[in-house]
PDB file of N, CA and C in Angstrom:
ATOM      1  N   MET A   1       4.519 -23.421 -38.521  1.00  0.00           N
ATOM      2  CA  MET A   1       3.424 -23.464 -39.430  1.00  0.00           C
ATOM      3  C   MET A   1       2.396 -24.534 -38.986  1.00  0.00           C
ATOM      4  N   ASP A   2       2.911 -25.652 -38.650  1.00  0.00           N
ATOM      5  CA  ASP A   2       2.047 -26.792 -38.182  1.00  0.00           C
ATOM      6  C   ASP A   2       1.283 -26.490 -36.922  1.00  0.00           C
ATOM      7  N   ALA A   3       1.949 -25.830 -35.997  1.00  0.00           N
ATOM      8  CA  ALA A   3       1.352 -25.368 -34.774  1.00  0.00           C
ATOM      9  C   ALA A   3       0.167 -24.415 -35.109  1.00  0.00           C
ATOM     10  N   ASP A   4       0.413 -23.445 -35.973  1.00  0.00           N
ATOM     11  CA  ASP A   4      -0.682 -22.584 -36.268  1.00  0.00           C
ATOM     12  C   ASP A   4      -1.890 -23.305 -36.857  1.00  0.00           C
ATOM     13  N   ARG A   5      -1.599 -24.290 -37.711  1.00  0.00           N
ATOM     14  CA  ARG A   5      -2.753 -25.063 -38.293  1.00  0.00           C
ATOM     15  C   ARG A   5      -3.498 -25.857 -37.185  1.00  0.00           C
ATOM     16  N   ARG A   6      -2.793 -26.397 -36.184  1.00  0.00           N
ATOM     17  CA  ARG A   6      -3.446 -27.131 -35.123  1.00  0.00           C
ATOM     18  C   ARG A   6      -4.269 -26.216 -34.253  1.00  0.00           C
ATOM     19  N   ALA A   7      -3.740 -25.029 -33.997  1.00  0.00           N
ATOM     20  CA  ALA A   7      -4.476 -24.031 -33.269  1.00  0.00           C
ATOM     21  C   ALA A   7      -5.768 -23.596 -33.889  1.00  0.00           C
ATOM     22  N   ALA A   8      -5.680 -23.400 -35.191  1.00  0.00           N
ATOM     23  CA  ALA A   8      -6.841 -23.095 -35.957  1.00  0.00           C
ATOM     24  C   ALA A   8      -7.875 -24.221 -35.908  1.00  0.00           C
ATOM     25  N   GLN A   9      -7.434 -25.367 -36.041  1.00  0.00           N
ATOM     26  CA  GLN A   9      -8.348 -26.594 -35.956  1.00  0.00           C
ATOM     27  C   GLN A   9      -9.062 -26.630 -34.557  1.00  0.00           C
ATOM     28  N   ARG A  10      -8.329 -26.376 -33.503  1.00  0.00           N
ATOM     29  CA  ARG A  10      -8.844 -26.327 -32.198  1.00  0.00           C
ATOM     30  C   ARG A  10      -9.950 -25.259 -32.051  1.00  0.00           C
ATOM     31  N   ARG A  11      -9.697 -24.055 -32.645  1.00  0.00           N
ATOM     32  CA  ARG A  11     -10.640 -23.016 -32.496  1.00  0.00           C
ATOM     33  C   ARG A  11     -11.893 -23.370 -33.373  1.00  0.00           C
ATOM     34  N   ARG A  12     -11.814 -24.075 -34.408  1.00  0.00           N
ATOM     35  CA  ARG A  12     -12.968 -24.424 -35.250  1.00  0.00           C
ATOM     36  C   ARG A  12     -13.815 -25.462 -34.484  1.00  0.00           C
ATOM     37  N   ARG A  13     -13.222 -26.298 -33.718  1.00  0.00           N
ATOM     38  CA  ARG A  13     -13.950 -27.369 -33.022  1.00  0.00           C
ATOM     39  C   ARG A  13     -14.798 -26.841 -31.912  1.00  0.00           C
ATOM     40  N   HIS A  14     -14.350 -25.771 -31.243  1.00  0.00           N
ATOM     41  CA  HIS A  14     -15.090 -25.199 -30.135  1.00  0.00           C
ATOM     42  C   HIS A  14     -16.047 -24.176 -30.608  1.00  0.00           C
ATOM     43  N   ALA A  15     -17.327 -24.368 -30.324  1.00  0.00           N
ATOM     44  CA  ALA A  15     -18.361 -23.401 -30.677  1.00  0.00           C
ATOM     45  C   ALA A  15     -18.573 -22.541 -29.404  1.00  0.00           C
ATOM     46  N   GLY A  16     -19.105 -21.325 -29.681  1.00  0.00           N
ATOM     47  CA  GLY A  16     -19.453 -20.451 -28.520  1.00  0.00           C
ATOM     48  C   GLY A  16     -18.216 -19.698 -28.092  1.00  0.00           C
ATOM     49  N   PRO A  17     -18.338 -19.103 -26.800  1.00  0.00           N
ATOM     50  CA  PRO A  17     -17.232 -18.263 -26.373  1.00  0.00           C
ATOM     51  C   PRO A  17     -16.010 -19.034 -25.916  1.00  0.00           C
ATOM     52  N   GLY A  18     -16.035 -20.256 -25.995  1.00  0.00           N
ATOM     53  CA  GLY A  18     -14.845 -21.094 -25.476  1.00  0.00           C
ATOM     54  C   GLY A  18     -13.600 -20.856 -26.405  1.00  0.00           C
ATOM     55  N   TRP A  19     -13.803 -20.472 -27.563  1.00  0.00           N
ATOM     56  CA  TRP A  19     -12.614 -20.221 -28.495  1.00  0.00           C
ATOM     57  C   TRP A  19     -11.843 -18.962 -28.024  1.00  0.00           C
ATOM     58  N   LEU A  20     -12.501 -18.092 -27.226  1.00  0.00           N
ATOM     59  CA  LEU A  20     -11.646 -16.986 -26.699  1.00  0.00           C
ATOM     60  C   LEU A  20     -10.653 -17.362 -25.707  1.00  0.00           C
ATOM     61  N   GLY A  21     -10.848 -18.484 -25.000  1.00  0.00           N
ATOM     62  CA  GLY A  21      -9.954 -19.010 -24.112  1.00  0.00           C
ATOM     63  C   GLY A  21      -8.767 -19.665 -24.809  1.00  0.00           C
ATOM     64  N   LEU A  22      -8.847 -20.045 -26.036  1.00  0.00           N
ATOM     65  CA  LEU A  22      -7.784 -20.694 -26.833  1.00  0.00           C
ATOM     66  C   LEU A  22      -6.899 -19.668 -27.473  1.00  0.00           C
ATOM     67  N   SER A  23      -7.352 -18.438 -27.452  1.00  0.00           N
ATOM     68  CA  SER A  23      -6.500 -17.469 -28.234  1.00  0.00           C
ATOM     69  C   SER A  23      -5.210 -17.070 -27.373  1.00  0.00           C
ATOM     70  N   PRO A  24      -4.247 -16.580 -28.056  1.00  0.00           N
ATOM     71  CA  PRO A  24      -2.991 -16.191 -27.282  1.00  0.00           C
ATOM     72  C   PRO A  24      -3.189 -14.988 -26.380  1.00  0.00           C
ATOM     73  N   HIS A  25      -4.334 -14.333 -26.495  1.00  0.00           N
ATOM     74  CA  HIS A  25      -4.586 -13.131 -25.697  1.00  0.00           C
ATOM     75  C   HIS A  25      -5.540 -13.453 -24.558  1.00  0.00           C
ATOM     76  N   ARG A  26      -5.273 -14.466 -23.880  1.00  0.00           N
ATOM     77  CA  ARG A  26      -6.209 -14.892 -22.775  1.00  0.00           C
ATOM     78  C   ARG A  26      -6.321 -13.869 -21.696  1.00  0.00           C
ATOM     79  N   ARG A  27      -5.168 -13.358 -21.298  1.00  0.00           N
ATOM     80  CA  ARG A  27      -5.281 -12.376 -20.150  1.00  0.00           C
ATOM     81  C   ARG A  27      -6.045 -11.157 -20.557  1.00  0.00           C
ATOM     82  N   ALA A  28      -5.879 -10.584 -21.722  1.00  0.00           N
ATOM     83  CA  ALA A  28      -6.567  -9.391 -22.128  1.00  0.00           C
ATOM     84  C   ALA A  28      -8.030  -9.698 -22.255  1.00  0.00           C
ATOM     85  N   THR A  29      -8.370 -10.970 -22.725  1.00  0.00           N
ATOM     86  CA  THR A  29      -9.761 -11.379 -22.815  1.00  0.00           C
ATOM     87  C   THR A  29     -10.453 -11.367 -21.411  1.00  0.00           C
ATOM     88  N   ILE A  30      -9.749 -11.939 -20.466  1.00  0.00           N
ATOM     89  CA  ILE A  30     -10.289 -12.015 -19.097  1.00  0.00           C
ATOM     90  C   ILE A  30     -10.388 -10.636 -18.515  1.00  0.00           C
ATOM     91  N   LEU A  31      -9.421  -9.767 -18.690  1.00  0.00           N
ATOM     92  CA  LEU A  31      -9.526  -8.423 -18.163  1.00  0.00           C
ATOM     93  C   LEU A  31     -10.613  -7.650 -18.819  1.00  0.00           C
ATOM     94  N   ALA A  32     -10.833  -7.824 -20.094  1.00  0.00           N
ATOM     95  CA  ALA A  32     -11.925  -7.159 -20.756  1.00  0.00           C
ATOM     96  C   ALA A  32     -13.287  -7.583 -20.213  1.00  0.00           C
ATOM     97  N   THR A  33     -13.397  -8.923 -19.951  1.00  0.00           N
ATOM     98  CA  THR A  33     -14.635  -9.442 -19.395  1.00  0.00           C
ATOM     99  C   THR A  33     -14.899  -8.910 -18.023  1.00  0.00           C
ATOM    100  N   LEU A  34     -13.806  -8.770 -17.168  1.00  0.00           N
ATOM    101  CA  LEU A  34     -14.027  -8.165 -15.869  1.00  0.00           C
ATOM    102  C   LEU A  34     -14.355  -6.726 -15.984  1.00  0.00           C
ATOM    103  N   ALA A  35     -13.804  -5.970 -16.948  1.00  0.00           N
ATOM    104  CA  ALA A  35     -14.175  -4.575 -17.142  1.00  0.00           C
ATOM    105  C   ALA A  35     -15.578  -4.427 -17.552  1.00  0.00           C
ATOM    106  N   VAL A  36     -16.175  -5.324 -18.312  1.00  0.00           N
ATOM    107  CA  VAL A  36     -17.570  -5.248 -18.693  1.00  0.00           C
ATOM    108  C   VAL A  36     -18.418  -5.481 -17.458  1.00  0.00           C
ATOM    109  N   VAL A  37     -18.056  -6.394 -16.632  1.00  0.00           N
ATOM    110  CA  VAL A  37     -18.860  -6.576 -15.338  1.00  0.00           C
ATOM    111  C   VAL A  37     -18.751  -5.370 -14.425  1.00  0.00           C
ATOM    112  N   VAL A  38     -17.616  -4.762 -14.287  1.00  0.00           N
ATOM    113  CA  VAL A  38     -17.449  -3.658 -13.398  1.00  0.00           C
ATOM    114  C   VAL A  38     -18.209  -2.435 -14.014  1.00  0.00           C
ATOM    115  N   ALA A  39     -18.125  -2.186 -15.286  1.00  0.00           N
ATOM    116  CA  ALA A  39     -18.893  -1.151 -15.950  1.00  0.00           C
ATOM    117  C   ALA A  39     -20.397  -1.322 -15.681  1.00  0.00           C
ATOM    118  N   GLY A  40     -20.839  -2.587 -15.879  1.00  0.00           N
ATOM    119  CA  GLY A  40     -22.254  -2.810 -15.675  1.00  0.00           C
ATOM    120  C   GLY A  40     -22.676  -2.591 -14.217  1.00  0.00           C
ATOM    121  N   SER A  41     -21.814  -3.005 -13.343  1.00  0.00           N
ATOM    122  CA  SER A  41     -22.068  -2.782 -11.916  1.00  0.00           C
ATOM    123  C   SER A  41     -22.183  -1.272 -11.579  1.00  0.00           C
ATOM    124  N   ALA A  42     -21.240  -0.521 -12.108  1.00  0.00           N
ATOM    125  CA  ALA A  42     -21.251   0.952 -11.931  1.00  0.00           C
ATOM    126  C   ALA A  42     -22.530   1.550 -12.456  1.00  0.00           C
ATOM    127  N   LEU A  43     -22.981   1.046 -13.648  1.00  0.00           N
ATOM    128  CA  LEU A  43     -24.223   1.603 -14.233  1.00  0.00           C
ATOM    129  C   LEU A  43     -25.466   1.283 -13.348  1.00  0.00           C
ATOM    130  N   THR A  44     -25.472   0.125 -12.631  1.00  0.00           N
ATOM    131  CA  THR A  44     -26.592  -0.188 -11.833  1.00  0.00           C
ATOM    132  C   THR A  44     -26.602   0.502 -10.557  1.00  0.00           C
ATOM    133  N   VAL A  45     -25.460   0.948 -10.078  1.00  0.00           N
ATOM    134  CA  VAL A  45     -25.258   1.613  -8.755  1.00  0.00           C
ATOM    135  C   VAL A  45     -25.717   3.099  -8.957  1.00  0.00           C
ATOM    136  N   LEU A  46     -25.306   3.707 -10.016  1.00  0.00           N
ATOM    137  CA  LEU A  46     -25.558   5.158 -10.185  1.00  0.00           C
ATOM    138  C   LEU A  46     -27.046   5.453 -10.335  1.00  0.00           C
ATOM    139  N   PRO A  47     -27.441   6.660  -9.803  1.00  0.00           N
ATOM    140  CA  PRO A  47     -28.885   6.995  -9.950  1.00  0.00           C
ATOM    141  C   PRO A  47     -29.229   7.553 -11.305  1.00  0.00           C
ATOM    142  N   LEU A  48     -29.222   6.661 -12.242  1.00  0.00           N
ATOM    143  CA  LEU A  48     -29.562   6.955 -13.673  1.00  0.00           C
ATOM    144  C   LEU A  48     -31.009   6.533 -13.991  1.00  0.00           C
ATOM    145  N   PRO A  49     -31.516   6.906 -15.151  1.00  0.00           N
ATOM    146  CA  PRO A  49     -32.832   6.406 -15.618  1.00  0.00           C
ATOM    147  C   PRO A  49     -32.889   4.891 -15.699  1.00  0.00           C
ATOM    148  N   PHE A  50     -34.113   4.343 -15.727  1.00  0.00           N
ATOM    149  CA  PHE A  50     -34.318   2.944 -15.708  1.00  0.00           C
ATOM    150  C   PHE A  50     -33.656   2.233 -16.946  1.00  0.00           C
ATOM    151  N   ALA A  51     -33.614   2.875 -18.097  1.00  0.00           N
ATOM    152  CA  ALA A  51     -32.979   2.297 -19.229  1.00  0.00           C
ATOM    153  C   ALA A  51     -31.540   2.055 -18.989  1.00  0.00           C
ATOM    154  N   TRP A  52     -30.863   2.902 -18.269  1.00  0.00           N
ATOM    155  CA  TRP A  52     -29.444   2.659 -17.965  1.00  0.00           C
ATOM    156  C   TRP A  52     -29.258   1.517 -16.998  1.00  0.00           C
ATOM    157  N   LEU A  53     -30.213   1.316 -16.083  1.00  0.00           N
ATOM    158  CA  LEU A  53     -30.141   0.224 -15.155  1.00  0.00           C
ATOM    159  C   LEU A  53     -30.276  -1.084 -15.984  1.00  0.00           C
ATOM    160  N   LEU A  54     -31.132  -1.079 -16.993  1.00  0.00           N
ATOM    161  CA  LEU A  54     -31.220  -2.305 -17.790  1.00  0.00           C
ATOM    162  C   LEU A  54     -29.922  -2.598 -18.623  1.00  0.00           C
ATOM    163  N   VAL A  55     -29.352  -1.509 -19.125  1.00  0.00           N
ATOM    164  CA  VAL A  55     -28.097  -1.672 -19.852  1.00  0.00           C
ATOM    165  C   VAL A  55     -27.003  -2.211 -18.921  1.00  0.00           C
ATOM    166  N   GLY A  56     -26.927  -1.728 -17.671  1.00  0.00           N
ATOM    167  CA  GLY A  56     -26.005  -2.195 -16.733  1.00  0.00           C
ATOM    168  C   GLY A  56     -26.187  -3.602 -16.352  1.00  0.00           C
ATOM    169  N   ARG A  57     -27.431  -3.997 -16.175  1.00  0.00           N
ATOM    170  CA  ARG A  57     -27.733  -5.512 -15.885  1.00  0.00           C
ATOM    171  C   ARG A  57     -27.408  -6.390 -17.044  1.00  0.00           C
ATOM    172  N   ALA A  58     -27.666  -5.924 -18.256  1.00  0.00           N
ATOM    173  CA  ALA A  58     -27.292  -6.607 -19.429  1.00  0.00           C
ATOM    174  C   ALA A  58     -25.773  -6.866 -19.550  1.00  0.00           C
ATOM    175  N   ALA A  59     -24.997  -5.767 -19.271  1.00  0.00           N
ATOM    176  CA  ALA A  59     -23.644  -5.852 -19.275  1.00  0.00           C
ATOM    177  C   ALA A  59     -23.092  -6.810 -18.234  1.00  0.00           C
ATOM    178  N   GLN A  60     -23.678  -6.826 -17.016  1.00  0.00           N
ATOM    179  CA  GLN A  60     -23.336  -7.730 -16.010  1.00  0.00           C
ATOM    180  C   GLN A  60     -23.604  -9.198 -16.501  1.00  0.00           C
ATOM    181  N   GLY A  61     -24.756  -9.350 -17.067  1.00  0.00           N
ATOM    182  CA  GLY A  61     -25.076 -10.753 -17.598  1.00  0.00           C
ATOM    183  C   GLY A  61     -24.117 -11.292 -18.641  1.00  0.00           C
ATOM    184  N   VAL A  62     -23.737 -10.328 -19.521  1.00  0.00           N
ATOM    185  CA  VAL A  62     -22.810 -10.794 -20.632  1.00  0.00           C
ATOM    186  C   VAL A  62     -21.417 -11.141 -19.928  1.00  0.00           C
ATOM    187  N   GLY A  63     -20.951 -10.250 -19.078  1.00  0.00           N
ATOM    188  CA  GLY A  63     -19.635 -10.463 -18.462  1.00  0.00           C
ATOM    189  C   GLY A  63     -19.633 -11.654 -17.628  1.00  0.00           C
ATOM    190  N   LEU A  64     -20.617 -11.857 -16.780  1.00  0.00           N
ATOM    191  CA  LEU A  64     -20.644 -13.057 -15.935  1.00  0.00           C
ATOM    192  C   LEU A  64     -20.949 -14.299 -16.695  1.00  0.00           C
ATOM    193  N   GLY A  65     -21.645 -14.170 -17.839  1.00  0.00           N
ATOM    194  CA  GLY A  65     -21.822 -15.381 -18.699  1.00  0.00           C
ATOM    195  C   GLY A  65     -20.446 -15.914 -19.261  1.00  0.00           C
ATOM    196  N   LEU A  66     -19.570 -15.025 -19.401  1.00  0.00           N
ATOM    197  CA  LEU A  66     -18.256 -15.436 -20.023  1.00  0.00           C
ATOM    198  C   LEU A  66     -17.269 -15.898 -18.875  1.00  0.00           C
ATOM    199  N   THR A  67     -17.758 -15.972 -17.628  1.00  0.00           N
ATOM    200  CA  THR A  67     -16.869 -16.510 -16.589  1.00  0.00           C
ATOM    201  C   THR A  67     -16.526 -18.030 -16.889  1.00  0.00           C
ATOM    202  N   ALA A  68     -17.339 -18.632 -17.638  1.00  0.00           N
ATOM    203  CA  ALA A  68     -17.045 -20.023 -17.977  1.00  0.00           C
ATOM    204  C   ALA A  68     -15.664 -20.057 -18.845  1.00  0.00           C
ATOM    205  N   LEU A  69     -15.409 -18.966 -19.525  1.00  0.00           N
ATOM    206  CA  LEU A  69     -14.162 -18.822 -20.125  1.00  0.00           C
ATOM    207  C   LEU A  69     -13.028 -18.902 -19.134  1.00  0.00           C
ATOM    208  N   MET A  70     -13.145 -18.255 -18.076  1.00  0.00           N
ATOM    209  CA  MET A  70     -12.075 -18.287 -17.044  1.00  0.00           C
ATOM    210  C   MET A  70     -11.922 -19.770 -16.486  1.00  0.00           C
ATOM    211  N   MET A  71     -12.948 -20.405 -16.304  1.00  0.00           N
ATOM    212  CA  MET A  71     -12.832 -21.814 -15.883  1.00  0.00           C
ATOM    213  C   MET A  71     -12.050 -22.639 -16.907  1.00  0.00           C
ATOM    214  N   GLY A  72     -12.302 -22.434 -18.140  1.00  0.00           N
ATOM    215  CA  GLY A  72     -11.646 -23.167 -19.184  1.00  0.00           C
ATOM    216  C   GLY A  72     -10.153 -22.776 -19.178  1.00  0.00           C
ATOM    217  N   VAL A  73      -9.793 -21.531 -18.978  1.00  0.00           N
ATOM    218  CA  VAL A  73      -8.432 -21.076 -18.978  1.00  0.00           C
ATOM    219  C   VAL A  73      -7.719 -21.669 -17.743  1.00  0.00           C
ATOM    220  N   ALA A  74      -8.413 -21.682 -16.603  1.00  0.00           N
ATOM    221  CA  ALA A  74      -7.767 -22.232 -15.398  1.00  0.00           C
ATOM    222  C   ALA A  74      -7.557 -23.762 -15.600  1.00  0.00           C
ATOM    223  N   GLY A  75      -8.470 -24.413 -16.250  1.00  0.00           N
ATOM    224  CA  GLY A  75      -8.315 -25.759 -16.440  1.00  0.00           C
ATOM    225  C   GLY A  75      -7.102 -26.164 -17.387  1.00  0.00           C
ATOM    226  N   THR A  76      -6.844 -25.271 -18.343  1.00  0.00           N
ATOM    227  CA  THR A  76      -5.729 -25.569 -19.305  1.00  0.00           C
ATOM    228  C   THR A  76      -4.368 -25.020 -18.780  1.00  0.00           C
ATOM    229  N   THR A  77      -4.365 -24.092 -17.875  1.00  0.00           N
ATOM    230  CA  THR A  77      -3.125 -23.551 -17.449  1.00  0.00           C
ATOM    231  C   THR A  77      -2.585 -24.069 -16.105  1.00  0.00           C
ATOM    232  N   SER A  78      -3.567 -24.653 -15.269  1.00  0.00           N
ATOM    233  CA  SER A  78      -3.025 -25.157 -14.001  1.00  0.00           C
ATOM    234  C   SER A  78      -2.412 -26.504 -14.196  1.00  0.00           C
ATOM    235  N   PRO A  79      -1.472 -26.868 -13.312  1.00  0.00           N
ATOM    236  CA  PRO A  79      -0.804 -28.155 -13.481  1.00  0.00           C
ATOM    237  C   PRO A  79      -1.728 -29.316 -13.061  1.00  0.00           C
ATOM    238  N   ARG A  80      -1.559 -30.386 -13.679  1.00  0.00           N
ATOM    239  CA  ARG A  80      -2.456 -31.552 -13.448  1.00  0.00           C
ATOM    240  C   ARG A  80      -2.398 -32.068 -12.052  1.00  0.00           C
ATOM    241  N   SER A  81      -1.263 -31.943 -11.392  1.00  0.00           N
ATOM    242  CA  SER A  81      -1.149 -32.429  -9.998  1.00  0.00           C
ATOM    243  C   SER A  81      -1.957 -31.630  -9.054  1.00  0.00           C
ATOM    244  N   ALA A  82      -2.083 -30.334  -9.344  1.00  0.00           N
ATOM    245  CA  ALA A  82      -2.862 -29.509  -8.436  1.00  0.00           C
ATOM    246  C   ALA A  82      -4.359 -29.742  -8.530  1.00  0.00           C
ATOM    247  N   ALA A  83      -4.886 -30.317  -9.638  1.00  0.00           N
ATOM    248  CA  ALA A  83      -6.187 -30.553  -9.798  1.00  0.00           C
ATOM    249  C   ALA A  83      -6.760 -31.852  -9.081  1.00  0.00           C
ATOM    250  N   ARG A  84      -5.823 -32.705  -8.788  1.00  0.00           N
ATOM    251  CA  ARG A  84      -6.238 -34.012  -8.058  1.00  0.00           C
ATOM    252  C   ARG A  84      -6.269 -33.770  -6.542  1.00  0.00           C
ATOM    253  N   PRO A  85      -7.192 -34.398  -5.919  1.00  0.00           N
ATOM    254  CA  PRO A  85      -7.326 -34.295  -4.397  1.00  0.00           C
ATOM    255  C   PRO A  85      -6.153 -35.009  -3.688  1.00  0.00           C
TER     256      PRO A  85
END
């Protein structure tokens, strides 16, 4: 119960998409972000009308904007000794 309360406090402290990296479903979140980028890339490659190109580019922007989440996850899951030169 105490661990749940601490996890909720950590989530409240972090504003923006960083709280996604604190959830217990980190892997699913990262895979969903990559799926958004791939779907956006597919929309931009296909010969579709211009509106679909804009939708694809927007999806790429959202997905790549969340890559900061992956950096946060890597920082919290990698061992401290590996981070030092």
